[in-house]
Amino acid sequence: WYKQFGFIGNLSKAINKDRFTKIINVFDGRIKNPNQTLKWTFLSGHDLDMVPMYYDLNLSTSKCIEELYRKGQTTALNCEQYP
């Protein structure tokens, strides 16, 4: 949880740029040519790769956890408050 604080802001955008570009290019290619032979694309990731992606996609992050703790609410899309 603590390591997530280092992967926010511009650093998360820099880390995610290539991965998001690849995902968008793959989807665009399949939309333009639905009959291509390549049907499956697999991208692997590590926890520390996924943390910046959670942040950029506004999913459950350390920021959302902190907002819940300090303010009692958050605007994150997927942030659960545990009892």
C-alpha atoms as a PDB file:
ATOM      1  CA  TRP A   1       0.000   0.000   0.000  1.00  0.00           C
ATOM      2  CA  TYR A   2       2.763   2.436   0.916  1.00  0.00           C
ATOM      3  CA  LYS A   3       4.601   1.930  -2.420  1.00  0.00           C
ATOM      4  CA  GLN A   4       1.514   3.127  -4.301  1.00  0.00           C
ATOM      5  CA  PHE A   5       2.195   6.730  -3.267  1.00  0.00           C
ATOM      6  CA  GLY A   6       5.268   6.833  -5.504  1.00  0.00           C
ATOM      7  CA  PHE A   7       3.370   5.931  -8.678  1.00  0.00           C
ATOM      8  CA  ILE A   8       0.929   8.822  -9.032  1.00  0.00           C
ATOM      9  CA  GLY A   9       0.715  11.951 -11.170  1.00  0.00           C
ATOM     10  CA  ASN A  10       3.101  12.383 -14.087  1.00  0.00           C
ATOM     11  CA  LEU A  11       5.099   9.284 -13.131  1.00  0.00           C
ATOM     12  CA  SER A  12       2.051   7.042 -13.562  1.00  0.00           C
ATOM     13  CA  LYS A  13       1.379   8.595 -16.975  1.00  0.00           C
ATOM     14  CA  ALA A  14       4.976   7.937 -18.040  1.00  0.00           C
ATOM     15  CA  ILE A  15       4.823   4.339 -16.829  1.00  0.00           C
ATOM     16  CA  ASN A  16       1.485   3.652 -18.558  1.00  0.00           C
ATOM     17  CA  LYS A  17       2.066   5.446 -21.858  1.00  0.00           C
ATOM     18  CA  ASP A  18       3.489   2.488 -23.798  1.00  0.00           C
ATOM     19  CA  ARG A  19       1.022  -0.024 -22.353  1.00  0.00           C
ATOM     20  CA  PHE A  20      -2.038   2.114 -23.119  1.00  0.00           C
ATOM     21  CA  THR A  21      -0.703   2.904 -26.600  1.00  0.00           C
ATOM     22  CA  LYS A  22      -0.322  -0.820 -27.313  1.00  0.00           C
ATOM     23  CA  ILE A  23      -3.813  -1.626 -26.025  1.00  0.00           C
ATOM     24  CA  ILE A  24      -5.407   1.148 -28.094  1.00  0.00           C
ATOM     25  CA  ASN A  25      -3.459   0.171 -31.231  1.00  0.00           C
ATOM     26  CA  VAL A  26      -4.467  -3.480 -30.871  1.00  0.00           C
ATOM     27  CA  PHE A  27      -8.142  -2.602 -30.440  1.00  0.00           C
ATOM     28  CA  ASP A  28      -8.048  -0.110 -33.322  1.00  0.00           C
ATOM     29  CA  GLY A  29      -6.444  -2.730 -35.561  1.00  0.00           C
ATOM     30  CA  ARG A  30      -9.116  -5.270 -34.726  1.00  0.00           C
ATOM     31  CA  ILE A  31     -11.912  -2.782 -35.316  1.00  0.00           C
ATOM     32  CA  LYS A  32     -10.490  -1.835 -38.723  1.00  0.00           C
ATOM     33  CA  ASN A  33      -9.891  -5.457 -39.715  1.00  0.00           C
ATOM     34  CA  PRO A  34     -12.192  -7.836 -37.783  1.00  0.00           C
ATOM     35  CA  ASN A  35     -11.166 -10.821 -39.950  1.00  0.00           C
ATOM     36  CA  GLN A  36      -7.481 -10.788 -39.054  1.00  0.00           C
ATOM     37  CA  THR A  37      -6.005 -14.060 -37.823  1.00  0.00           C
ATOM     38  CA  LEU A  38      -4.716 -12.662 -34.505  1.00  0.00           C
ATOM     39  CA  LYS A  39      -7.553 -13.149 -32.035  1.00  0.00           C
ATOM     40  CA  TRP A  40      -5.776 -13.068 -28.687  1.00  0.00           C
ATOM     41  CA  THR A  41      -3.366 -10.592 -27.126  1.00  0.00           C
ATOM     42  CA  PHE A  42      -1.909 -11.225 -23.705  1.00  0.00           C
ATOM     43  CA  LEU A  43      -0.274  -8.512 -21.609  1.00  0.00           C
ATOM     44  CA  SER A  44       1.222  -9.494 -18.302  1.00  0.00           C
ATOM     45  CA  GLY A  45       1.892  -7.195 -15.419  1.00  0.00           C
ATOM     46  CA  HIS A  46       3.219  -7.062 -11.908  1.00  0.00           C
ATOM     47  CA  ASP A  47       1.573  -5.401  -8.928  1.00  0.00           C
ATOM     48  CA  LEU A  48       3.845  -2.407  -9.309  1.00  0.00           C
ATOM     49  CA  ASP A  49       2.896  -2.150 -13.003  1.00  0.00           C
ATOM     50  CA  MET A  50      -0.798  -2.204 -12.197  1.00  0.00           C
ATOM     51  CA  VAL A  51      -0.686   0.451  -9.468  1.00  0.00           C
ATOM     52  CA  PRO A  52      -0.077   3.343 -11.921  1.00  0.00           C
ATOM     53  CA  MET A  53      -2.835   1.975 -14.165  1.00  0.00           C
ATOM     54  CA  TYR A  54      -5.303   1.915 -11.259  1.00  0.00           C
ATOM     55  CA  TYR A  55      -4.418   5.530 -10.562  1.00  0.00           C
ATOM     56  CA  ASP A  56      -4.793   6.709 -14.166  1.00  0.00           C
ATOM     57  CA  LEU A  57      -8.089   4.857 -14.620  1.00  0.00           C
ATOM     58  CA  ASN A  58      -9.414   6.248 -11.310  1.00  0.00           C
ATOM     59  CA  LEU A  59      -9.860   2.828  -9.769  1.00  0.00           C
ATOM     60  CA  SER A  60      -9.042   1.787  -6.217  1.00  0.00           C
ATOM     61  CA  THR A  61      -5.745   3.439  -5.270  1.00  0.00           C
ATOM     62  CA  SER A  62      -3.867   4.688  -2.247  1.00  0.00           C
ATOM     63  CA  LYS A  63      -5.329   8.131  -3.006  1.00  0.00           C
ATOM     64  CA  CYS A  64      -8.875   6.780  -2.757  1.00  0.00           C
ATOM     65  CA  ILE A  65      -8.016   4.959   0.470  1.00  0.00           C
ATOM     66  CA  GLU A  66      -6.594   8.181   1.902  1.00  0.00           C
ATOM     67  CA  GLU A  67      -9.677  10.163   0.802  1.00  0.00           C
ATOM     68  CA  LEU A  68     -11.923   7.648   2.547  1.00  0.00           C
ATOM     69  CA  TYR A  69      -9.825   7.855   5.686  1.00  0.00           C
ATOM     70  CA  ARG A  70      -9.519  11.660   5.804  1.00  0.00           C
ATOM     71  CA  LYS A  71     -12.810  12.821   4.214  1.00  0.00           C
ATOM     72  CA  GLY A  72     -15.065   9.781   4.527  1.00  0.00           C
ATOM     73  CA  GLN A  73     -15.794   9.797   0.775  1.00  0.00           C
ATOM     74  CA  THR A  74     -14.068   9.561  -2.609  1.00  0.00           C
ATOM     75  CA  THR A  75     -14.771  10.107  -6.307  1.00  0.00           C
ATOM     76  CA  ALA A  76     -12.894   6.946  -7.339  1.00  0.00           C
ATOM     77  CA  LEU A  77     -14.921   4.519  -9.426  1.00  0.00           C
ATOM     78  CA  ASN A  78     -14.056   1.382  -7.479  1.00  0.00           C
ATOM     79  CA  CYS A  79     -13.022   2.122  -3.926  1.00  0.00           C
ATOM     80  CA  GLU A  80     -14.542   0.111  -1.125  1.00  0.00           C
ATOM     81  CA  GLN A  81     -14.617   1.163   2.470  1.00  0.00           C
ATOM     82  CA  TYR A  82     -13.833  -1.757   4.724  1.00  0.00           C
ATOM     83  CA  PRO A  83     -15.361  -1.899   8.217  1.00  0.00           C
END
